[in-house]
Amino acid sequence: MLLAGQEKPEAAVSACLVDPFCYLSHHTALVQHGLATKKSPQVYVTSPPPSAWRRAAMARMADDLGEDLSKYLDSGLPRLTWHKLDRIGAHRVHRHNIGELGEVVRLGTQALPMSSVGQTILDCLRHPQWAGGMKHVLRVFDAAADKHREAIIRIVDQRGTAIDKVRVGYLFEERLRIADPAFERWVGCAQRGGSRKLDPEADYAPRWSERWCLSLNI
């Protein structure tokens, strides 16, 4: 796919042009934020589910056309529509459709939409398979957690589930020995006798955090 005036546009830019309601996420966002240096032939974006996407498209058309919207629709002119996007050049595109979108920022000269630093780290802990695997995600967390502590804790407080708070609380407190008052609230989300795992994609392992009731399966 080529854009006017560009011979080889970056795949991430192209993905955001094809889907105006998506944002860069997971490993792609890690790279854009400078949290990961190893680029990937995969492009990861997050987008609203089909019904929400259609509503957003109609709202965008209404904003652009104003009182001329009805005339435009009645004339049979093309609407803003969703396009299947599996590949851009040599890059495979992974588009994840979720109901509750994450926190988005716009960075760079092209103001590309992407998940914020805190949201990116939370998303990667939820879906490490879309960020190079759990070992890679933990290396990123180890390097970024102290610098971005406030952003991560705020997102997990506001948007995290019980298991998100258990995982992130464990990583900060027991893996990195970083303390914060939020962790005393989060530890109440721990469930004794449960089967919660640090790596959601790996098998359960008989090593655990007593405080966070979490299998350390890495």
N, C-alpha and C. Protein backbone atom coordinates (compact mmCIF):
# COMPACT_ATOMS: atom_id res chain seq x y z
N MET A 1 0.84 -1.19 0.00
CA MET A 1 0.00 0.00 0.00
C MET A 1 0.87 1.23 0.00
N LEU A 2 0.67 2.17 -0.97
CA LEU A 2 1.48 3.36 -1.07
C LEU A 2 0.60 4.59 -0.89
N LEU A 3 1.13 5.59 -0.23
CA LEU A 3 0.41 6.83 -0.02
C LEU A 3 0.99 7.90 -0.92
N ALA A 4 0.15 8.86 -1.28
CA ALA A 4 0.60 9.93 -2.16
C ALA A 4 1.78 10.67 -1.55
N GLY A 5 2.83 10.82 -2.32
CA GLY A 5 3.99 11.55 -1.85
C GLY A 5 4.96 10.73 -1.04
N GLN A 6 4.67 9.44 -0.83
CA GLN A 6 5.56 8.60 -0.05
C GLN A 6 5.77 7.29 -0.80
N GLU A 7 7.01 6.88 -0.91
CA GLU A 7 7.29 5.63 -1.60
C GLU A 7 7.10 4.43 -0.67
N LYS A 8 7.55 4.53 0.55
CA LYS A 8 7.45 3.42 1.49
C LYS A 8 7.03 3.94 2.86
N PRO A 9 5.76 4.26 3.04
CA PRO A 9 5.31 4.79 4.33
C PRO A 9 5.48 3.75 5.42
N GLU A 10 5.71 4.22 6.64
CA GLU A 10 5.81 3.30 7.75
C GLU A 10 4.48 2.57 7.93
N ALA A 11 4.57 1.30 8.24
CA ALA A 11 3.36 0.50 8.37
C ALA A 11 2.46 1.02 9.46
N ALA A 12 3.03 1.52 10.55
CA ALA A 12 2.22 2.03 11.66
C ALA A 12 1.41 3.24 11.22
N VAL A 13 2.01 4.12 10.42
CA VAL A 13 1.29 5.29 9.91
C VAL A 13 0.15 4.84 9.01
N SER A 14 0.45 3.90 8.13
CA SER A 14 -0.57 3.41 7.20
C SER A 14 -1.74 2.79 7.93
N ALA A 15 -1.46 2.01 8.97
CA ALA A 15 -2.53 1.35 9.73
C ALA A 15 -3.47 2.38 10.32
N CYS A 16 -2.93 3.49 10.85
CA CYS A 16 -3.76 4.53 11.45
C CYS A 16 -4.54 5.32 10.41
N LEU A 17 -4.04 5.38 9.18
CA LEU A 17 -4.78 6.05 8.12
C LEU A 17 -5.93 5.19 7.62
N VAL A 18 -5.69 3.90 7.51
CA VAL A 18 -6.74 2.99 7.04
C VAL A 18 -7.87 2.89 8.06
N ASP A 19 -7.52 2.84 9.34
CA ASP A 19 -8.52 2.78 10.41
C ASP A 19 -8.38 4.03 11.27
N PRO A 20 -9.21 5.06 11.02
CA PRO A 20 -9.05 6.34 11.74
C PRO A 20 -9.42 6.27 13.21
N PHE A 21 -9.98 5.14 13.68
CA PHE A 21 -10.39 5.03 15.08
C PHE A 21 -9.51 4.06 15.87
N CYS A 22 -8.44 3.59 15.27
CA CYS A 22 -7.53 2.68 15.97
C CYS A 22 -6.41 3.47 16.61
N TYR A 23 -5.64 2.79 17.45
CA TYR A 23 -4.42 3.37 17.99
C TYR A 23 -3.37 2.28 18.12
N LEU A 24 -2.12 2.66 18.06
CA LEU A 24 -1.01 1.72 18.17
C LEU A 24 -0.96 1.19 19.60
N SER A 25 -0.70 -0.10 19.73
CA SER A 25 -0.74 -0.70 21.07
C SER A 25 0.30 -1.82 21.18
N HIS A 26 0.40 -2.39 22.40
CA HIS A 26 1.24 -3.55 22.67
C HIS A 26 2.67 -3.32 22.19
N HIS A 27 3.27 -4.25 21.47
CA HIS A 27 4.69 -4.11 21.13
C HIS A 27 4.96 -2.87 20.29
N THR A 28 4.05 -2.54 19.37
CA THR A 28 4.26 -1.36 18.53
C THR A 28 4.32 -0.10 19.39
N ALA A 29 3.45 0.01 20.38
CA ALA A 29 3.47 1.17 21.27
C ALA A 29 4.73 1.17 22.14
N LEU A 30 5.19 -0.02 22.58
CA LEU A 30 6.44 -0.07 23.35
C LEU A 30 7.57 0.56 22.56
N VAL A 31 7.66 0.24 21.28
CA VAL A 31 8.72 0.79 20.43
C VAL A 31 8.55 2.29 20.27
N GLN A 32 7.32 2.74 20.02
CA GLN A 32 7.07 4.16 19.82
C GLN A 32 7.41 4.97 21.06
N HIS A 33 7.21 4.40 22.23
CA HIS A 33 7.52 5.10 23.49
C HIS A 33 9.00 4.96 23.87
N GLY A 34 9.75 4.20 23.12
CA GLY A 34 11.16 4.01 23.45
C GLY A 34 11.39 3.02 24.56
N LEU A 35 10.38 2.20 24.87
CA LEU A 35 10.51 1.20 25.94
C LEU A 35 11.06 -0.12 25.42
N ALA A 36 11.03 -0.32 24.12
CA ALA A 36 11.59 -1.52 23.49
C ALA A 36 12.37 -1.06 22.27
N THR A 37 13.51 -1.66 22.05
CA THR A 37 14.36 -1.25 20.92
C THR A 37 14.24 -2.19 19.73
N LYS A 38 13.82 -3.42 19.99
CA LYS A 38 13.74 -4.41 18.92
C LYS A 38 12.44 -4.23 18.16
N LYS A 39 12.55 -3.77 16.92
CA LYS A 39 11.37 -3.59 16.10
C LYS A 39 10.86 -4.96 15.64
N SER A 40 9.62 -4.98 15.23
CA SER A 40 8.97 -6.23 14.85
C SER A 40 8.31 -6.07 13.49
N PRO A 41 8.26 -7.15 12.70
CA PRO A 41 7.52 -7.08 11.43
C PRO A 41 6.01 -7.06 11.65
N GLN A 42 5.58 -7.19 12.90
CA GLN A 42 4.16 -7.14 13.21
C GLN A 42 3.78 -5.71 13.64
N VAL A 43 2.59 -5.29 13.27
CA VAL A 43 2.04 -4.01 13.73
C VAL A 43 0.82 -4.32 14.57
N TYR A 44 0.80 -3.82 15.80
CA TYR A 44 -0.31 -4.08 16.72
C TYR A 44 -1.12 -2.80 16.91
N VAL A 45 -2.41 -2.90 16.64
CA VAL A 45 -3.31 -1.77 16.85
C VAL A 45 -4.54 -2.26 17.61
N THR A 46 -5.17 -1.35 18.32
CA THR A 46 -6.43 -1.63 19.02
C THR A 46 -7.50 -0.73 18.43
N SER A 47 -8.68 -1.30 18.22
CA SER A 47 -9.75 -0.60 17.54
C SER A 47 -11.09 -0.96 18.19
N PRO A 48 -12.10 -0.09 18.07
CA PRO A 48 -13.41 -0.44 18.63
C PRO A 48 -14.00 -1.65 17.93
N PRO A 49 -14.88 -2.39 18.58
CA PRO A 49 -15.59 -3.48 17.92
C PRO A 49 -16.47 -2.93 16.80
N PRO A 50 -16.92 -3.79 15.86
CA PRO A 50 -17.63 -3.31 14.66
C PRO A 50 -18.78 -2.36 14.93
N SER A 51 -19.65 -2.66 15.90
CA SER A 51 -20.80 -1.80 16.14
C SER A 51 -20.37 -0.41 16.62
N ALA A 52 -19.40 -0.38 17.53
CA ALA A 52 -18.90 0.90 18.03
C ALA A 52 -18.15 1.65 16.93
N TRP A 53 -17.45 0.90 16.08
CA TRP A 53 -16.72 1.53 14.97
C TRP A 53 -17.70 2.22 14.03
N ARG A 54 -18.83 1.56 13.71
CA ARG A 54 -19.81 2.17 12.81
C ARG A 54 -20.43 3.43 13.43
N ARG A 55 -20.67 3.40 14.74
CA ARG A 55 -21.20 4.59 15.40
C ARG A 55 -20.19 5.74 15.34
N ALA A 56 -18.92 5.41 15.57
CA ALA A 56 -17.88 6.44 15.50
C ALA A 56 -17.76 7.00 14.09
N ALA A 57 -17.91 6.13 13.08
CA ALA A 57 -17.82 6.58 11.69
C ALA A 57 -18.97 7.53 11.36
N MET A 58 -20.16 7.20 11.80
CA MET A 58 -21.31 8.07 11.53
C MET A 58 -21.15 9.40 12.26
N ALA A 59 -20.64 9.36 13.48
CA ALA A 59 -20.41 10.61 14.22
C ALA A 59 -19.36 11.46 13.53
N ARG A 60 -18.32 10.84 13.00
CA ARG A 60 -17.29 11.59 12.28
C ARG A 60 -17.87 12.23 11.02
N MET A 61 -18.69 11.48 10.28
CA MET A 61 -19.31 12.03 9.08
C MET A 61 -20.25 13.18 9.43
N ALA A 62 -20.98 13.05 10.54
CA ALA A 62 -21.88 14.13 10.96
C ALA A 62 -21.10 15.39 11.31
N ASP A 63 -19.95 15.22 11.99
CA ASP A 63 -19.11 16.36 12.32
C ASP A 63 -18.57 17.03 11.07
N ASP A 64 -18.14 16.21 10.09
CA ASP A 64 -17.54 16.75 8.87
C ASP A 64 -18.57 17.41 7.95
N LEU A 65 -19.77 16.82 7.85
CA LEU A 65 -20.75 17.27 6.85
C LEU A 65 -21.82 18.19 7.42
N GLY A 66 -22.01 18.13 8.74
CA GLY A 66 -23.00 18.99 9.36
C GLY A 66 -24.39 18.77 8.80
N GLU A 67 -25.06 19.85 8.43
CA GLU A 67 -26.44 19.76 7.94
C GLU A 67 -26.54 19.12 6.56
N ASP A 68 -25.40 18.90 5.91
CA ASP A 68 -25.41 18.26 4.59
C ASP A 68 -25.33 16.74 4.69
N LEU A 69 -25.30 16.19 5.90
CA LEU A 69 -25.16 14.74 6.06
C LEU A 69 -26.28 13.97 5.37
N SER A 70 -27.52 14.38 5.58
CA SER A 70 -28.65 13.65 4.98
C SER A 70 -28.57 13.66 3.47
N LYS A 71 -28.24 14.80 2.90
CA LYS A 71 -28.11 14.88 1.44
C LYS A 71 -27.02 13.95 0.95
N TYR A 72 -25.92 13.93 1.67
CA TYR A 72 -24.80 13.08 1.28
C TYR A 72 -25.20 11.62 1.30
N LEU A 73 -25.85 11.20 2.37
CA LEU A 73 -26.26 9.80 2.50
C LEU A 73 -27.30 9.43 1.45
N ASP A 74 -28.25 10.33 1.20
CA ASP A 74 -29.30 10.06 0.22
C ASP A 74 -28.76 9.98 -1.20
N SER A 75 -27.63 10.63 -1.45
CA SER A 75 -27.08 10.65 -2.81
C SER A 75 -26.36 9.34 -3.17
N GLY A 76 -26.13 8.50 -2.17
CA GLY A 76 -25.44 7.24 -2.43
C GLY A 76 -23.94 7.35 -2.49
N LEU A 77 -23.39 8.48 -2.08
CA LEU A 77 -21.93 8.64 -2.07
C LEU A 77 -21.32 7.72 -1.00
N PRO A 78 -20.05 7.36 -1.16
CA PRO A 78 -19.45 6.38 -0.24
C PRO A 78 -19.38 6.87 1.20
N ARG A 79 -19.69 5.97 2.12
CA ARG A 79 -19.60 6.27 3.54
C ARG A 79 -18.22 5.90 4.07
N LEU A 80 -17.92 6.38 5.25
CA LEU A 80 -16.71 5.97 5.95
C LEU A 80 -16.92 4.53 6.42
N THR A 81 -16.16 3.60 5.87
CA THR A 81 -16.40 2.18 6.14
C THR A 81 -15.15 1.50 6.68
N TRP A 82 -15.40 0.41 7.39
CA TRP A 82 -14.33 -0.41 7.96
C TRP A 82 -13.72 -1.28 6.88
N HIS A 83 -12.40 -1.36 6.81
CA HIS A 83 -11.71 -2.19 5.83
C HIS A 83 -10.88 -3.24 6.56
N LYS A 84 -10.98 -4.44 6.09
CA LYS A 84 -10.14 -5.50 6.65
C LYS A 84 -8.69 -5.19 6.34
N LEU A 85 -7.86 -5.31 7.33
CA LEU A 85 -6.45 -4.95 7.16
C LEU A 85 -5.59 -6.01 7.83
N ASP A 86 -5.06 -6.93 7.04
CA ASP A 86 -4.25 -8.01 7.58
C ASP A 86 -2.76 -7.80 7.37
N ARG A 87 -2.42 -7.02 6.36
CA ARG A 87 -1.02 -6.87 6.01
C ARG A 87 -0.78 -5.54 5.31
N ILE A 88 0.34 -4.91 5.63
CA ILE A 88 0.79 -3.72 4.92
C ILE A 88 2.21 -4.00 4.46
N GLY A 89 2.38 -4.25 3.17
CA GLY A 89 3.69 -4.63 2.66
C GLY A 89 4.15 -5.92 3.31
N ALA A 90 5.33 -5.88 3.92
CA ALA A 90 5.87 -7.07 4.58
C ALA A 90 5.42 -7.18 6.03
N HIS A 91 4.59 -6.26 6.48
CA HIS A 91 4.18 -6.21 7.89
C HIS A 91 2.79 -6.81 8.07
N ARG A 92 2.69 -7.77 8.96
CA ARG A 92 1.38 -8.30 9.33
C ARG A 92 0.75 -7.39 10.37
N VAL A 93 -0.53 -7.09 10.19
CA VAL A 93 -1.25 -6.20 11.10
C VAL A 93 -2.16 -7.02 12.01
N HIS A 94 -2.01 -6.82 13.31
CA HIS A 94 -2.87 -7.47 14.30
C HIS A 94 -3.80 -6.39 14.86
N ARG A 95 -5.06 -6.48 14.53
CA ARG A 95 -6.03 -5.48 15.01
C ARG A 95 -6.89 -6.14 16.08
N HIS A 96 -6.84 -5.60 17.29
CA HIS A 96 -7.57 -6.15 18.42
C HIS A 96 -8.78 -5.28 18.70
N ASN A 97 -9.95 -5.86 18.64
CA ASN A 97 -11.19 -5.12 18.86
C ASN A 97 -11.67 -5.34 20.29
N ILE A 98 -11.74 -4.26 21.05
CA ILE A 98 -12.18 -4.36 22.43
C ILE A 98 -13.25 -3.32 22.71
N GLY A 99 -14.13 -3.63 23.67
CA GLY A 99 -15.23 -2.73 23.97
C GLY A 99 -14.79 -1.48 24.71
N GLU A 100 -13.89 -1.63 25.69
CA GLU A 100 -13.42 -0.48 26.47
C GLU A 100 -12.01 -0.13 26.04
N LEU A 101 -11.89 0.93 25.27
CA LEU A 101 -10.59 1.32 24.75
C LEU A 101 -9.73 1.91 25.87
N GLY A 102 -8.42 1.84 25.67
CA GLY A 102 -7.50 2.34 26.68
C GLY A 102 -7.22 3.82 26.56
N GLU A 103 -6.35 4.31 27.42
CA GLU A 103 -5.94 5.71 27.39
C GLU A 103 -5.01 5.95 26.21
N VAL A 104 -5.31 6.96 25.42
CA VAL A 104 -4.58 7.20 24.17
C VAL A 104 -3.91 8.57 24.22
N VAL A 105 -2.69 8.63 23.70
CA VAL A 105 -1.97 9.88 23.53
C VAL A 105 -1.54 9.99 22.08
N ARG A 106 -1.14 11.17 21.68
CA ARG A 106 -0.64 11.39 20.32
C ARG A 106 0.78 11.93 20.42
N LEU A 107 1.71 11.24 19.78
CA LEU A 107 3.12 11.61 19.88
C LEU A 107 3.76 11.70 18.51
N GLY A 108 4.88 12.39 18.46
CA GLY A 108 5.66 12.46 17.23
C GLY A 108 5.17 13.55 16.30
N THR A 109 5.94 13.80 15.25
CA THR A 109 5.59 14.84 14.28
C THR A 109 4.29 14.54 13.56
N GLN A 110 3.93 13.26 13.45
CA GLN A 110 2.69 12.88 12.78
C GLN A 110 1.54 12.67 13.75
N ALA A 111 1.80 12.93 15.04
CA ALA A 111 0.77 12.81 16.08
C ALA A 111 0.04 11.48 16.00
N LEU A 112 0.81 10.41 15.93
CA LEU A 112 0.20 9.09 15.85
C LEU A 112 -0.51 8.75 17.14
N PRO A 113 -1.74 8.23 17.06
CA PRO A 113 -2.43 7.81 18.27
C PRO A 113 -1.84 6.49 18.79
N MET A 114 -1.58 6.44 20.07
CA MET A 114 -1.04 5.22 20.67
C MET A 114 -1.45 5.16 22.14
N SER A 115 -1.44 3.96 22.69
CA SER A 115 -1.74 3.85 24.11
C SER A 115 -0.67 4.57 24.92
N SER A 116 -1.09 5.19 26.02
CA SER A 116 -0.14 5.89 26.88
C SER A 116 0.86 4.89 27.47
N VAL A 117 1.91 5.40 28.08
CA VAL A 117 2.93 4.52 28.65
C VAL A 117 2.31 3.56 29.67
N GLY A 118 1.54 4.09 30.61
CA GLY A 118 0.93 3.23 31.62
C GLY A 118 -0.01 2.21 31.00
N GLN A 119 -0.83 2.65 30.06
CA GLN A 119 -1.77 1.75 29.41
C GLN A 119 -1.03 0.68 28.61
N THR A 120 0.05 1.06 27.95
CA THR A 120 0.83 0.10 27.16
C THR A 120 1.38 -1.00 28.04
N ILE A 121 1.96 -0.63 29.17
CA ILE A 121 2.52 -1.65 30.06
C ILE A 121 1.42 -2.54 30.62
N LEU A 122 0.29 -1.96 30.99
CA LEU A 122 -0.83 -2.76 31.48
C LEU A 122 -1.31 -3.73 30.40
N ASP A 123 -1.47 -3.25 29.18
CA ASP A 123 -1.93 -4.10 28.08
C ASP A 123 -0.95 -5.24 27.81
N CYS A 124 0.34 -4.94 27.88
CA CYS A 124 1.35 -5.97 27.60
C CYS A 124 1.37 -7.03 28.69
N LEU A 125 1.12 -6.65 29.93
CA LEU A 125 1.03 -7.64 31.00
C LEU A 125 -0.22 -8.50 30.84
N ARG A 126 -1.27 -7.93 30.29
CA ARG A 126 -2.49 -8.70 30.04
C ARG A 126 -2.32 -9.67 28.86
N HIS A 127 -1.60 -9.21 27.83
CA HIS A 127 -1.45 -9.98 26.60
C HIS A 127 0.03 -10.03 26.19
N PRO A 128 0.87 -10.71 26.97
CA PRO A 128 2.30 -10.71 26.66
C PRO A 128 2.63 -11.31 25.30
N GLN A 129 1.75 -12.17 24.76
CA GLN A 129 2.00 -12.77 23.46
C GLN A 129 2.00 -11.73 22.35
N TRP A 130 1.46 -10.54 22.59
CA TRP A 130 1.45 -9.47 21.61
C TRP A 130 2.55 -8.45 21.87
N ALA A 131 3.49 -8.84 22.75
CA ALA A 131 4.57 -7.92 23.11
C ALA A 131 5.90 -8.65 23.26
N GLY A 132 6.06 -9.73 22.52
CA GLY A 132 7.34 -10.44 22.56
C GLY A 132 7.45 -11.49 23.64
N GLY A 133 6.36 -11.79 24.35
CA GLY A 133 6.39 -12.80 25.40
C GLY A 133 6.61 -12.20 26.77
N MET A 134 6.27 -12.97 27.80
CA MET A 134 6.30 -12.45 29.16
C MET A 134 7.71 -12.07 29.61
N LYS A 135 8.71 -12.83 29.21
CA LYS A 135 10.07 -12.48 29.63
C LYS A 135 10.47 -11.11 29.09
N HIS A 136 10.09 -10.83 27.86
CA HIS A 136 10.38 -9.52 27.28
C HIS A 136 9.60 -8.43 28.01
N VAL A 137 8.33 -8.69 28.31
CA VAL A 137 7.50 -7.71 29.01
C VAL A 137 8.09 -7.40 30.39
N LEU A 138 8.58 -8.42 31.08
CA LEU A 138 9.17 -8.19 32.41
C LEU A 138 10.47 -7.40 32.31
N ARG A 139 11.26 -7.63 31.28
CA ARG A 139 12.47 -6.82 31.10
C ARG A 139 12.10 -5.35 30.88
N VAL A 140 11.06 -5.12 30.09
CA VAL A 140 10.59 -3.75 29.87
C VAL A 140 10.10 -3.15 31.19
N PHE A 141 9.32 -3.92 31.93
CA PHE A 141 8.80 -3.43 33.22
C PHE A 141 9.94 -3.09 34.17
N ASP A 142 10.91 -3.97 34.28
CA ASP A 142 12.04 -3.73 35.18
C ASP A 142 12.74 -2.42 34.85
N ALA A 143 12.89 -2.14 33.54
CA ALA A 143 13.62 -0.94 33.12
C ALA A 143 12.78 0.33 33.23
N ALA A 144 11.47 0.21 33.08
CA ALA A 144 10.63 1.40 32.98
C ALA A 144 9.82 1.71 34.23
N ALA A 145 9.66 0.74 35.13
CA ALA A 145 8.70 0.88 36.22
C ALA A 145 9.00 2.06 37.14
N ASP A 146 10.24 2.26 37.52
CA ASP A 146 10.54 3.34 38.46
C ASP A 146 10.31 4.70 37.83
N LYS A 147 10.77 4.88 36.60
CA LYS A 147 10.61 6.16 35.90
C LYS A 147 9.14 6.48 35.67
N HIS A 148 8.36 5.47 35.31
CA HIS A 148 6.96 5.69 34.94
C HIS A 148 6.01 5.18 36.04
N ARG A 149 6.50 5.15 37.26
CA ARG A 149 5.72 4.59 38.36
C ARG A 149 4.35 5.25 38.50
N GLU A 150 4.31 6.58 38.52
CA GLU A 150 3.04 7.27 38.72
C GLU A 150 2.04 6.96 37.61
N ALA A 151 2.52 6.94 36.37
CA ALA A 151 1.63 6.68 35.23
C ALA A 151 1.07 5.26 35.29
N ILE A 152 1.92 4.30 35.64
CA ILE A 152 1.47 2.90 35.71
C ILE A 152 0.46 2.72 36.84
N ILE A 153 0.78 3.24 38.02
CA ILE A 153 -0.11 3.07 39.17
C ILE A 153 -1.45 3.75 38.93
N ARG A 154 -1.43 4.93 38.31
CA ARG A 154 -2.67 5.65 38.04
C ARG A 154 -3.58 4.84 37.10
N ILE A 155 -3.01 4.30 36.03
CA ILE A 155 -3.81 3.54 35.07
C ILE A 155 -4.36 2.27 35.72
N VAL A 156 -3.52 1.57 36.47
CA VAL A 156 -3.99 0.34 37.10
C VAL A 156 -5.06 0.65 38.13
N ASP A 157 -4.92 1.74 38.88
CA ASP A 157 -5.93 2.15 39.85
C ASP A 157 -7.27 2.44 39.15
N GLN A 158 -7.19 3.14 38.02
CA GLN A 158 -8.40 3.59 37.34
C GLN A 158 -9.03 2.51 36.46
N ARG A 159 -8.21 1.73 35.78
CA ARG A 159 -8.71 0.85 34.74
C ARG A 159 -8.41 -0.63 34.99
N GLY A 160 -7.61 -0.92 35.98
CA GLY A 160 -7.18 -2.30 36.18
C GLY A 160 -8.22 -3.16 36.86
N THR A 161 -8.22 -4.42 36.50
CA THR A 161 -9.05 -5.41 37.18
C THR A 161 -8.33 -5.90 38.43
N ALA A 162 -8.98 -6.78 39.18
CA ALA A 162 -8.35 -7.33 40.39
C ALA A 162 -7.05 -8.04 40.05
N ILE A 163 -7.04 -8.85 39.01
CA ILE A 163 -5.81 -9.58 38.67
C ILE A 163 -4.74 -8.63 38.15
N ASP A 164 -5.11 -7.56 37.47
CA ASP A 164 -4.13 -6.56 37.04
C ASP A 164 -3.43 -5.97 38.27
N LYS A 165 -4.21 -5.63 39.30
CA LYS A 165 -3.64 -5.02 40.50
C LYS A 165 -2.75 -5.99 41.25
N VAL A 166 -3.12 -7.25 41.25
CA VAL A 166 -2.29 -8.26 41.91
C VAL A 166 -0.96 -8.42 41.18
N ARG A 167 -1.01 -8.53 39.87
CA ARG A 167 0.23 -8.71 39.09
C ARG A 167 1.14 -7.49 39.23
N VAL A 168 0.59 -6.30 39.01
CA VAL A 168 1.43 -5.10 39.05
C VAL A 168 1.91 -4.83 40.47
N GLY A 169 1.06 -5.06 41.46
CA GLY A 169 1.49 -4.88 42.85
C GLY A 169 2.64 -5.80 43.19
N TYR A 170 2.54 -7.07 42.79
CA TYR A 170 3.64 -8.01 43.03
C TYR A 170 4.92 -7.53 42.37
N LEU A 171 4.83 -7.13 41.09
CA LEU A 171 6.03 -6.76 40.36
C LEU A 171 6.72 -5.56 41.00
N PHE A 172 5.96 -4.55 41.37
CA PHE A 172 6.56 -3.39 42.02
C PHE A 172 7.14 -3.76 43.38
N GLU A 173 6.35 -4.42 44.20
CA GLU A 173 6.69 -4.58 45.61
C GLU A 173 7.72 -5.68 45.86
N GLU A 174 7.52 -6.85 45.25
CA GLU A 174 8.40 -7.97 45.57
C GLU A 174 9.50 -8.18 44.53
N ARG A 175 9.24 -7.86 43.29
CA ARG A 175 10.29 -8.04 42.28
C ARG A 175 11.26 -6.86 42.28
N LEU A 176 10.71 -5.62 42.39
CA LEU A 176 11.56 -4.44 42.28
C LEU A 176 11.79 -3.73 43.61
N ARG A 177 11.11 -4.17 44.69
CA ARG A 177 11.24 -3.57 46.02
C ARG A 177 10.90 -2.08 45.99
N ILE A 178 9.85 -1.73 45.28
CA ILE A 178 9.35 -0.36 45.22
C ILE A 178 8.04 -0.31 45.99
N ALA A 179 7.93 0.63 46.91
CA ALA A 179 6.74 0.73 47.75
C ALA A 179 5.85 1.87 47.29
N ASP A 180 4.55 1.71 47.55
CA ASP A 180 3.60 2.78 47.25
C ASP A 180 2.33 2.51 48.07
N PRO A 181 1.66 3.56 48.57
CA PRO A 181 0.43 3.33 49.35
C PRO A 181 -0.65 2.58 48.58
N ALA A 182 -0.65 2.68 47.26
CA ALA A 182 -1.68 1.99 46.46
C ALA A 182 -1.64 0.49 46.67
N PHE A 183 -0.46 -0.05 46.94
CA PHE A 183 -0.33 -1.50 47.03
C PHE A 183 -1.08 -2.07 48.23
N GLU A 184 -1.22 -1.27 49.28
CA GLU A 184 -1.98 -1.75 50.44
C GLU A 184 -3.45 -1.90 50.09
N ARG A 185 -3.95 -1.08 49.18
CA ARG A 185 -5.32 -1.25 48.69
C ARG A 185 -5.41 -2.45 47.75
N TRP A 186 -4.45 -2.56 46.88
CA TRP A 186 -4.49 -3.60 45.86
C TRP A 186 -4.37 -5.00 46.45
N VAL A 187 -3.62 -5.14 47.53
CA VAL A 187 -3.41 -6.48 48.07
C VAL A 187 -4.72 -7.09 48.54
N GLY A 188 -5.72 -6.26 48.78
CA GLY A 188 -7.03 -6.78 49.11
C GLY A 188 -7.68 -7.53 47.96
N CYS A 189 -7.15 -7.40 46.75
CA CYS A 189 -7.66 -8.13 45.59
C CYS A 189 -7.11 -9.55 45.51
N ALA A 190 -6.11 -9.87 46.34
CA ALA A 190 -5.53 -11.21 46.32
C ALA A 190 -6.55 -12.23 46.81
N GLN A 191 -6.52 -13.42 46.22
CA GLN A 191 -7.46 -14.48 46.58
C GLN A 191 -6.71 -15.73 46.99
N ARG A 192 -6.78 -16.08 48.24
CA ARG A 192 -6.11 -17.29 48.70
C ARG A 192 -6.84 -18.52 48.16
N GLY A 193 -6.03 -19.52 47.80
CA GLY A 193 -6.60 -20.75 47.26
C GLY A 193 -6.98 -20.66 45.81
N GLY A 194 -6.67 -19.54 45.15
CA GLY A 194 -7.00 -19.38 43.75
C GLY A 194 -5.89 -19.92 42.85
N SER A 195 -6.06 -19.72 41.56
CA SER A 195 -5.07 -20.21 40.59
C SER A 195 -4.58 -19.08 39.69
N ARG A 196 -4.47 -17.90 40.26
CA ARG A 196 -3.99 -16.77 39.47
C ARG A 196 -2.52 -16.92 39.15
N LYS A 197 -2.15 -16.46 37.93
CA LYS A 197 -0.79 -16.65 37.44
C LYS A 197 -0.20 -15.31 37.02
N LEU A 198 1.11 -15.17 37.21
CA LEU A 198 1.79 -13.97 36.75
C LEU A 198 1.75 -13.89 35.23
N ASP A 199 2.10 -14.98 34.56
CA ASP A 199 2.03 -15.04 33.10
C ASP A 199 0.70 -15.67 32.71
N PRO A 200 -0.21 -14.90 32.13
CA PRO A 200 -1.53 -15.46 31.81
C PRO A 200 -1.50 -16.53 30.73
N GLU A 201 -0.41 -16.61 29.97
CA GLU A 201 -0.33 -17.55 28.86
C GLU A 201 0.37 -18.85 29.23
N ALA A 202 1.06 -18.90 30.34
CA ALA A 202 1.85 -20.07 30.72
C ALA A 202 1.08 -20.95 31.70
N ASP A 203 1.56 -22.18 31.86
CA ASP A 203 0.94 -23.11 32.79
C ASP A 203 1.18 -22.67 34.24
N TYR A 204 0.31 -23.11 35.11
CA TYR A 204 0.46 -22.85 36.54
C TYR A 204 1.74 -23.50 37.06
N ALA A 205 2.45 -22.84 37.96
CA ALA A 205 3.67 -23.37 38.56
C ALA A 205 3.54 -23.33 40.08
N PRO A 206 4.08 -24.33 40.80
CA PRO A 206 3.95 -24.40 42.26
C PRO A 206 4.94 -23.50 42.99
N ARG A 207 5.16 -22.32 42.49
CA ARG A 207 5.93 -21.28 43.19
C ARG A 207 5.04 -20.05 43.23
N TRP A 208 4.94 -19.42 44.37
CA TRP A 208 3.99 -18.32 44.44
C TRP A 208 4.43 -17.25 45.43
N SER A 209 3.77 -16.12 45.30
CA SER A 209 3.91 -15.03 46.26
C SER A 209 2.84 -15.23 47.32
N GLU A 210 3.26 -15.38 48.57
CA GLU A 210 2.31 -15.56 49.67
C GLU A 210 1.44 -14.32 49.85
N ARG A 211 2.04 -13.16 49.74
CA ARG A 211 1.30 -11.91 49.98
C ARG A 211 0.28 -11.66 48.87
N TRP A 212 0.68 -11.93 47.62
CA TRP A 212 -0.19 -11.60 46.49
C TRP A 212 -0.94 -12.81 45.96
N CYS A 213 -0.72 -13.97 46.54
CA CYS A 213 -1.44 -15.19 46.14
C CYS A 213 -1.36 -15.40 44.63
N LEU A 214 -0.14 -15.38 44.13
CA LEU A 214 0.08 -15.38 42.70
C LEU A 214 1.12 -16.44 42.34
N SER A 215 0.79 -17.29 41.37
CA SER A 215 1.75 -18.28 40.89
C SER A 215 2.82 -17.57 40.06
N LEU A 216 4.08 -17.78 40.44
CA LEU A 216 5.20 -17.16 39.73
C LEU A 216 5.66 -18.13 38.64
N ASN A 217 4.88 -18.21 37.59
CA ASN A 217 5.05 -19.23 36.54
C ASN A 217 5.90 -18.75 35.38
N ILE A 218 7.08 -18.19 35.70
CA ILE A 218 7.97 -17.71 34.65
C ILE A 218 9.36 -18.31 34.87
